[in-house]
PDB file of N, CA and C in Angstrom:
ATOM      1  N   MET A   1      -2.938 -22.165  15.543  1.00  0.00           N
ATOM      2  CA  MET A   1      -3.073 -20.824  15.038  1.00  0.00           C
ATOM      3  C   MET A   1      -2.433 -20.766  13.658  1.00  0.00           C
ATOM      4  N   ALA A   2      -3.145 -20.254  12.689  1.00  0.00           N
ATOM      5  CA  ALA A   2      -2.652 -20.184  11.318  1.00  0.00           C
ATOM      6  C   ALA A   2      -1.882 -18.884  11.102  1.00  0.00           C
ATOM      7  N   PHE A   3      -0.873 -18.981  10.259  1.00  0.00           N
ATOM      8  CA  PHE A   3      -0.077 -17.809   9.897  1.00  0.00           C
ATOM      9  C   PHE A   3      -0.758 -17.077   8.754  1.00  0.00           C
ATOM     10  N   THR A   4      -0.888 -15.766   8.890  1.00  0.00           N
ATOM     11  CA  THR A   4      -1.469 -14.943   7.830  1.00  0.00           C
ATOM     12  C   THR A   4      -0.389 -14.038   7.274  1.00  0.00           C
ATOM     13  N   ALA A   5      -0.150 -14.169   5.992  1.00  0.00           N
ATOM     14  CA  ALA A   5       0.874 -13.346   5.339  1.00  0.00           C
ATOM     15  C   ALA A   5       0.383 -11.913   5.214  1.00  0.00           C
ATOM     16  N   PRO A   6       1.305 -10.944   5.277  1.00  0.00           N
ATOM     17  CA  PRO A   6       0.878  -9.552   5.091  1.00  0.00           C
ATOM     18  C   PRO A   6       0.337  -9.324   3.692  1.00  0.00           C
ATOM     19  N   ALA A   7      -0.494  -8.323   3.565  1.00  0.00           N
ATOM     20  CA  ALA A   7      -1.086  -7.996   2.260  1.00  0.00           C
ATOM     21  C   ALA A   7       0.011  -7.570   1.289  1.00  0.00           C
ATOM     22  N   PRO A   8      -0.106  -7.967   0.025  1.00  0.00           N
ATOM     23  CA  PRO A   8       0.891  -7.536  -0.953  1.00  0.00           C
ATOM     24  C   PRO A   8       0.886  -6.027  -1.121  1.00  0.00           C
ATOM     25  N   ALA A   9       1.990  -5.496  -1.609  1.00  0.00           N
ATOM     26  CA  ALA A   9       2.144  -4.046  -1.773  1.00  0.00           C
ATOM     27  C   ALA A   9       1.041  -3.455  -2.643  1.00  0.00           C
ATOM     28  N   SER A  10       0.590  -4.195  -3.654  1.00  0.00           N
ATOM     29  CA  SER A  10      -0.455  -3.669  -4.534  1.00  0.00           C
ATOM     30  C   SER A  10      -1.755  -3.435  -3.773  1.00  0.00           C
ATOM     31  N   VAL A  11      -2.060  -4.266  -2.790  1.00  0.00           N
ATOM     32  CA  VAL A  11      -3.270  -4.099  -1.992  1.00  0.00           C
ATOM     33  C   VAL A  11      -3.092  -2.947  -1.014  1.00  0.00           C
ATOM     34  N   ARG A  12      -1.914  -2.849  -0.370  1.00  0.00           N
ATOM     35  CA  ARG A  12      -1.671  -1.761   0.575  1.00  0.00           C
ATOM     36  C   ARG A  12      -1.722  -0.421  -0.121  1.00  0.00           C
ATOM     37  N   LYS A  13      -1.204  -0.308  -1.328  1.00  0.00           N
ATOM     38  CA  LYS A  13      -1.203   0.959  -2.058  1.00  0.00           C
ATOM     39  C   LYS A  13      -2.616   1.358  -2.472  1.00  0.00           C
ATOM     40  N   ALA A  14      -3.522   0.389  -2.610  1.00  0.00           N
ATOM     41  CA  ALA A  14      -4.885   0.688  -3.042  1.00  0.00           C
ATOM     42  C   ALA A  14      -5.610   1.549  -2.011  1.00  0.00           C
ATOM     43  N   ARG A  15      -5.178   1.515  -0.749  1.00  0.00           N
ATOM     44  CA  ARG A  15      -5.805   2.315   0.295  1.00  0.00           C
ATOM     45  C   ARG A  15      -5.482   3.791   0.145  1.00  0.00           C
ATOM     46  N   GLN A  16      -4.410   4.112  -0.543  1.00  0.00           N
ATOM     47  CA  GLN A  16      -4.038   5.501  -0.740  1.00  0.00           C
ATOM     48  C   GLN A  16      -4.865   6.109  -1.864  1.00  0.00           C
ATOM     49  N   MET A  17      -5.148   7.392  -1.728  1.00  0.00           N
ATOM     50  CA  MET A  17      -5.881   8.102  -2.765  1.00  0.00           C
ATOM     51  C   MET A  17      -4.951   8.349  -3.947  1.00  0.00           C
ATOM     52  N   THR A  18      -5.503   8.374  -5.153  1.00  0.00           N
ATOM     53  CA  THR A  18      -4.703   8.691  -6.333  1.00  0.00           C
ATOM     54  C   THR A  18      -4.429  10.190  -6.349  1.00  0.00           C
ATOM     55  N   GLN A  19      -3.418  10.600  -7.094  1.00  0.00           N
ATOM     56  CA  GLN A  19      -3.056  12.012  -7.183  1.00  0.00           C
ATOM     57  C   GLN A  19      -4.236  12.862  -7.653  1.00  0.00           C
ATOM     58  N   GLU A  20      -5.001  12.362  -8.633  1.00  0.00           N
ATOM     59  CA  GLU A  20      -6.140  13.118  -9.136  1.00  0.00           C
ATOM     60  C   GLU A  20      -7.208  13.302  -8.063  1.00  0.00           C
ATOM     61  N   LYS A  21      -7.470  12.239  -7.292  1.00  0.00           N
ATOM     62  CA  LYS A  21      -8.472  12.327  -6.237  1.00  0.00           C
ATOM     63  C   LYS A  21      -8.009  13.250  -5.119  1.00  0.00           C
ATOM     64  N   ILE A  22      -6.720  13.226  -4.812  1.00  0.00           N
ATOM     65  CA  ILE A  22      -6.181  14.128  -3.800  1.00  0.00           C
ATOM     66  C   ILE A  22      -6.330  15.571  -4.266  1.00  0.00           C
ATOM     67  N   TYR A  23      -5.981  15.825  -5.515  1.00  0.00           N
ATOM     68  CA  TYR A  23      -6.104  17.171  -6.079  1.00  0.00           C
ATOM     69  C   TYR A  23      -7.562  17.644  -6.007  1.00  0.00           C
ATOM     70  N   ASP A  24      -8.489  16.798  -6.430  1.00  0.00           N
ATOM     71  CA  ASP A  24      -9.910  17.157  -6.392  1.00  0.00           C
ATOM     72  C   ASP A  24     -10.390  17.385  -4.958  1.00  0.00           C
ATOM     73  N   ALA A  25      -9.929  16.546  -4.021  1.00  0.00           N
ATOM     74  CA  ALA A  25     -10.325  16.695  -2.621  1.00  0.00           C
ATOM     75  C   ALA A  25      -9.779  17.998  -2.043  1.00  0.00           C
ATOM     76  N   LEU A  26      -8.543  18.340  -2.389  1.00  0.00           N
ATOM     77  CA  LEU A  26      -7.966  19.602  -1.922  1.00  0.00           C
ATOM     78  C   LEU A  26      -8.726  20.792  -2.491  1.00  0.00           C
ATOM     79  N   GLN A  27      -9.101  20.709  -3.756  1.00  0.00           N
ATOM     80  CA  GLN A  27      -9.882  21.782  -4.388  1.00  0.00           C
ATOM     81  C   GLN A  27     -11.219  21.958  -3.660  1.00  0.00           C
ATOM     82  N   GLY A  28     -11.887  20.854  -3.375  1.00  0.00           N
ATOM     83  CA  GLY A  28     -13.191  20.903  -2.721  1.00  0.00           C
ATOM     84  C   GLY A  28     -13.123  21.308  -1.260  1.00  0.00           C
ATOM     85  N   ALA A  29     -12.008  21.036  -0.616  1.00  0.00           N
ATOM     86  CA  ALA A  29     -11.884  21.300   0.819  1.00  0.00           C
ATOM     87  C   ALA A  29     -11.440  22.723   1.134  1.00  0.00           C
ATOM     88  N   ARG A  30     -11.165  23.507   0.122  1.00  0.00           N
ATOM     89  CA  ARG A  30     -10.681  24.876   0.370  1.00  0.00           C
ATOM     90  C   ARG A  30     -11.674  25.718   1.149  1.00  0.00           C
ATOM     91  N   THR A  31     -12.958  25.409   1.069  1.00  0.00           N
ATOM     92  CA  THR A  31     -13.968  26.182   1.785  1.00  0.00           C
ATOM     93  C   THR A  31     -14.393  25.525   3.097  1.00  0.00           C
ATOM     94  N   ALA A  32     -13.825  24.371   3.422  1.00  0.00           N
ATOM     95  CA  ALA A  32     -14.184  23.675   4.661  1.00  0.00           C
ATOM     96  C   ALA A  32     -13.584  24.399   5.868  1.00  0.00           C
ATOM     97  N   ASP A  33     -14.261  24.326   7.000  1.00  0.00           N
ATOM     98  CA  ASP A  33     -13.752  24.946   8.225  1.00  0.00           C
ATOM     99  C   ASP A  33     -12.499  24.249   8.735  1.00  0.00           C
ATOM    100  N   LYS A  34     -12.489  22.928   8.637  1.00  0.00           N
ATOM    101  CA  LYS A  34     -11.377  22.160   9.186  1.00  0.00           C
ATOM    102  C   LYS A  34     -11.185  20.884   8.379  1.00  0.00           C
ATOM    103  N   VAL A  35      -9.937  20.548   8.086  1.00  0.00           N
ATOM    104  CA  VAL A  35      -9.600  19.316   7.383  1.00  0.00           C
ATOM    105  C   VAL A  35      -8.464  18.621   8.125  1.00  0.00           C
ATOM    106  N   THR A  36      -8.330  17.332   7.863  1.00  0.00           N
ATOM    107  CA  THR A  36      -7.179  16.580   8.339  1.00  0.00           C
ATOM    108  C   THR A  36      -6.460  16.043   7.123  1.00  0.00           C
ATOM    109  N   VAL A  37      -5.188  16.382   7.011  1.00  0.00           N
ATOM    110  CA  VAL A  37      -4.361  15.929   5.903  1.00  0.00           C
ATOM    111  C   VAL A  37      -3.409  14.875   6.448  1.00  0.00           C
ATOM    112  N   TYR A  38      -3.423  13.692   5.834  1.00  0.00           N
ATOM    113  CA  TYR A  38      -2.524  12.607   6.209  1.00  0.00           C
ATOM    114  C   TYR A  38      -1.415  12.530   5.163  1.00  0.00           C
ATOM    115  N   PHE A  39      -0.178  12.516   5.637  1.00  0.00           N
ATOM    116  CA  PHE A  39       0.961  12.531   4.742  1.00  0.00           C
ATOM    117  C   PHE A  39       1.562  11.147   4.579  1.00  0.00           C
ATOM    118  N   LYS A  40       2.291  10.942   3.509  1.00  0.00           N
ATOM    119  CA  LYS A  40       2.910   9.651   3.208  1.00  0.00           C
ATOM    120  C   LYS A  40       3.952   9.258   4.240  1.00  0.00           C
ATOM    121  N   ASN A  41       4.548  10.223   4.923  1.00  0.00           N
ATOM    122  CA  ASN A  41       5.561   9.913   5.927  1.00  0.00           C
ATOM    123  C   ASN A  41       4.957   9.547   7.286  1.00  0.00           C
ATOM    124  N   GLY A  42       3.617   9.514   7.376  1.00  0.00           N
ATOM    125  CA  GLY A  42       2.956   9.071   8.593  1.00  0.00           C
ATOM    126  C   GLY A  42       2.395  10.181   9.464  1.00  0.00           C
ATOM    127  N   ARG A  43       2.808  11.408   9.264  1.00  0.00           N
ATOM    128  CA  ARG A  43       2.278  12.487  10.096  1.00  0.00           C
ATOM    129  C   ARG A  43       0.919  12.943   9.580  1.00  0.00           C
ATOM    130  N   ALA A  44       0.230  13.696  10.421  1.00  0.00           N
ATOM    131  CA  ALA A  44      -1.083  14.235  10.052  1.00  0.00           C
ATOM    132  C   ALA A  44      -1.178  15.659  10.582  1.00  0.00           C
ATOM    133  N   ALA A  45      -1.983  16.481   9.916  1.00  0.00           N
ATOM    134  CA  ALA A  45      -2.192  17.857  10.350  1.00  0.00           C
ATOM    135  C   ALA A  45      -3.670  18.187  10.203  1.00  0.00           C
ATOM    136  N   THR A  46      -4.210  18.872  11.216  1.00  0.00           N
ATOM    137  CA  THR A  46      -5.611  19.262  11.204  1.00  0.00           C
ATOM    138  C   THR A  46      -5.699  20.776  11.340  1.00  0.00           C
ATOM    139  N   GLY A  47      -6.562  21.377  10.531  1.00  0.00           N
ATOM    140  CA  GLY A  47      -6.756  22.817  10.601  1.00  0.00           C
ATOM    141  C   GLY A  47      -7.409  23.353   9.346  1.00  0.00           C
ATOM    142  N   ALA A  48      -7.279  24.657   9.169  1.00  0.00           N
ATOM    143  CA  ALA A  48      -7.801  25.314   7.972  1.00  0.00           C
ATOM    144  C   ALA A  48      -6.847  25.059   6.816  1.00  0.00           C
ATOM    145  N   LEU A  49      -7.387  24.916   5.620  1.00  0.00           N
ATOM    146  CA  LEU A  49      -6.587  24.565   4.448  1.00  0.00           C
ATOM    147  C   LEU A  49      -6.443  25.751   3.507  1.00  0.00           C
ATOM    148  N   ILE A  50      -5.224  25.962   3.056  1.00  0.00           N
ATOM    149  CA  ILE A  50      -4.947  26.882   1.955  1.00  0.00           C
ATOM    150  C   ILE A  50      -4.282  26.042   0.886  1.00  0.00           C
ATOM    151  N   PHE A  51      -4.831  26.044  -0.331  1.00  0.00           N
ATOM    152  CA  PHE A  51      -4.299  25.215  -1.414  1.00  0.00           C
ATOM    153  C   PHE A  51      -4.113  26.064  -2.652  1.00  0.00           C
ATOM    154  N   ASN A  52      -2.932  25.990  -3.246  1.00  0.00           N
ATOM    155  CA  ASN A  52      -2.626  26.694  -4.487  1.00  0.00           C
ATOM    156  C   ASN A  52      -2.534  25.656  -5.600  1.00  0.00           C
ATOM    157  N   PRO A  53      -3.576  25.523  -6.412  1.00  0.00           N
ATOM    158  CA  PRO A  53      -3.583  24.484  -7.448  1.00  0.00           C
ATOM    159  C   PRO A  53      -2.532  24.706  -8.537  1.00  0.00           C
ATOM    160  N   PHE A  54      -2.121  25.931  -8.760  1.00  0.00           N
ATOM    161  CA  PHE A  54      -1.129  26.198  -9.797  1.00  0.00           C
ATOM    162  C   PHE A  54       0.262  25.739  -9.391  1.00  0.00           C
ATOM    163  N   LYS A  55       0.577  25.856  -8.110  1.00  0.00           N
ATOM    164  CA  LYS A  55       1.886  25.420  -7.610  1.00  0.00           C
ATOM    165  C   LYS A  55       1.862  23.973  -7.123  1.00  0.00           C
ATOM    166  N   GLY A  56       0.666  23.430  -6.877  1.00  0.00           N
ATOM    167  CA  GLY A  56       0.565  22.073  -6.354  1.00  0.00           C
ATOM    168  C   GLY A  56       1.047  21.980  -4.922  1.00  0.00           C
ATOM    169  N   SER A  57       0.819  23.042  -4.163  1.00  0.00           N
ATOM    170  CA  SER A  57       1.254  23.068  -2.771  1.00  0.00           C
ATOM    171  C   SER A  57       0.160  23.684  -1.910  1.00  0.00           C
ATOM    172  N   GLY A  58       0.321  23.537  -0.615  1.00  0.00           N
ATOM    173  CA  GLY A  58      -0.668  24.085   0.287  1.00  0.00           C
ATOM    174  C   GLY A  58      -0.127  24.247   1.682  1.00  0.00           C
ATOM    175  N   ARG A  59      -1.035  24.633   2.570  1.00  0.00           N
ATOM    176  CA  ARG A  59      -0.679  24.842   3.967  1.00  0.00           C
ATOM    177  C   ARG A  59      -1.889  24.486   4.814  1.00  0.00           C
ATOM    178  N   VAL A  60      -1.627  23.823   5.931  1.00  0.00           N
ATOM    179  CA  VAL A  60      -2.659  23.534   6.928  1.00  0.00           C
ATOM    180  C   VAL A  60      -2.340  24.396   8.134  1.00  0.00           C
ATOM    181  N   ILE A  61      -3.305  25.223   8.540  1.00  0.00           N
ATOM    182  CA  ILE A  61      -3.092  26.157   9.646  1.00  0.00           C
ATOM    183  C   ILE A  61      -3.927  25.721  10.837  1.00  0.00           C
ATOM    184  N   ASP A  62      -3.261  25.425  11.947  1.00  0.00           N
ATOM    185  CA  ASP A  62      -3.935  25.066  13.198  1.00  0.00           C
ATOM    186  C   ASP A  62      -3.946  26.308  14.079  1.00  0.00           C
ATOM    187  N   VAL A  63      -5.090  26.971  14.149  1.00  0.00           N
ATOM    188  CA  VAL A  63      -5.214  28.228  14.888  1.00  0.00           C
ATOM    189  C   VAL A  63      -5.025  27.996  16.385  1.00  0.00           C
ATOM    190  N   ASP A  64      -5.549  26.880  16.901  1.00  0.00           N
ATOM    191  CA  ASP A  64      -5.454  26.597  18.332  1.00  0.00           C
ATOM    192  C   ASP A  64      -4.001  26.447  18.784  1.00  0.00           C
ATOM    193  N   LYS A  65      -3.202  25.751  17.993  1.00  0.00           N
ATOM    194  CA  LYS A  65      -1.785  25.528  18.338  1.00  0.00           C
ATOM    195  C   LYS A  65      -0.876  26.638  17.823  1.00  0.00           C
ATOM    196  N   GLU A  66      -1.446  27.558  17.045  1.00  0.00           N
ATOM    197  CA  GLU A  66      -0.688  28.642  16.432  1.00  0.00           C
ATOM    198  C   GLU A  66       0.490  28.104  15.623  1.00  0.00           C
ATOM    199  N   SER A  67       0.178  27.128  14.761  1.00  0.00           N
ATOM    200  CA  SER A  67       1.216  26.530  13.918  1.00  0.00           C
ATOM    201  C   SER A  67       0.642  26.248  12.532  1.00  0.00           C
ATOM    202  N   SER A  68       1.540  26.041  11.586  1.00  0.00           N
ATOM    203  CA  SER A  68       1.114  25.684  10.237  1.00  0.00           C
ATOM    204  C   SER A  68       2.137  24.744   9.623  1.00  0.00           C
ATOM    205  N   ILE A  69       1.676  23.958   8.662  1.00  0.00           N
ATOM    206  CA  ILE A  69       2.530  23.004   7.955  1.00  0.00           C
ATOM    207  C   ILE A  69       2.344  23.222   6.468  1.00  0.00           C
ATOM    208  N   ASP A  70       3.447  23.478   5.773  1.00  0.00           N
ATOM    209  CA  ASP A  70       3.427  23.574   4.314  1.00  0.00           C
ATOM    210  C   ASP A  70       3.590  22.180   3.735  1.00  0.00           C
ATOM    211  N   PHE A  71       2.989  21.933   2.563  1.00  0.00           N
ATOM    212  CA  PHE A  71       3.106  20.621   1.941  1.00  0.00           C
ATOM    213  C   PHE A  71       3.028  20.736   0.432  1.00  0.00           C
ATOM    214  N   ALA A  72       3.558  19.715  -0.225  1.00  0.00           N
ATOM    215  CA  ALA A  72       3.412  19.549  -1.671  1.00  0.00           C
ATOM    216  C   ALA A  72       2.372  18.458  -1.888  1.00  0.00           C
ATOM    217  N   ILE A  73       1.634  18.540  -2.968  1.00  0.00           N
ATOM    218  CA  ILE A  73       0.569  17.565  -3.225  1.00  0.00           C
ATOM    219  C   ILE A  73       1.130  16.140  -3.297  1.00  0.00           C
ATOM    220  N   GLU A  74       2.379  15.987  -3.696  1.00  0.00           N
ATOM    221  CA  GLU A  74       2.995  14.658  -3.777  1.00  0.00           C
ATOM    222  C   GLU A  74       3.176  14.020  -2.403  1.00  0.00           C
ATOM    223  N   ASP A  75       3.184  14.834  -1.337  1.00  0.00           N
ATOM    224  CA  ASP A  75       3.382  14.334   0.022  1.00  0.00           C
ATOM    225  C   ASP A  75       2.093  13.846   0.670  1.00  0.00           C
ATOM    226  N   VAL A  76       0.937  14.155   0.075  1.00  0.00           N
ATOM    227  CA  VAL A  76      -0.362  13.850   0.681  1.00  0.00           C
ATOM    228  C   VAL A  76      -0.786  12.421   0.351  1.00  0.00           C
ATOM    229  N   ARG A  77      -1.176  11.695   1.412  1.00  0.00           N
ATOM    230  CA  ARG A  77      -1.684  10.324   1.251  1.00  0.00           C
ATOM    231  C   ARG A  77      -3.202  10.298   1.226  1.00  0.00           C
ATOM    232  N   GLU A  78      -3.821  11.146   2.080  1.00  0.00           N
ATOM    233  CA  GLU A  78      -5.277  11.132   2.221  1.00  0.00           C
ATOM    234  C   GLU A  78      -5.742  12.454   2.812  1.00  0.00           C
ATOM    235  N   LEU A  79      -6.982  12.799   2.560  1.00  0.00           N
ATOM    236  CA  LEU A  79      -7.573  14.037   3.077  1.00  0.00           C
ATOM    237  C   LEU A  79      -8.972  13.741   3.573  1.00  0.00           C
ATOM    238  N   LYS A  80      -9.281  14.235   4.775  1.00  0.00           N
ATOM    239  CA  LYS A  80     -10.625  14.050   5.335  1.00  0.00           C
ATOM    240  C   LYS A  80     -11.138  15.368   5.866  1.00  0.00           C
ATOM    241  N   LEU A  81     -12.411  15.634   5.607  1.00  0.00           N
ATOM    242  CA  LEU A  81     -13.057  16.816   6.155  1.00  0.00           C
ATOM    243  C   LEU A  81     -13.424  16.537   7.605  1.00  0.00           C
ATOM    244  N   SER A  82     -13.105  17.449   8.488  1.00  0.00           N
ATOM    245  CA  SER A  82     -13.385  17.239   9.927  1.00  0.00           C
ATOM    246  C   SER A  82     -14.673  17.914  10.333  1.00  0.00           C
TER     247      SER A  82
END
């Protein structure tokens, strides 16, 4: 069995969206019914999105769980429309 070294940090970071792409995705997702936001710390939140482009912050509201999570754009790793 051959040993496979882990991918270098430069390759692992390539999987993350750039700040500009995250900003554009958040702008476009404001009208979506449901989004999933993946954060750099490993957590994820699914729900309706509120995004304030002037402050660079937002909120994901999960109506079913009656909860919400506030976030800064710097904390977002990836965004997917559900």
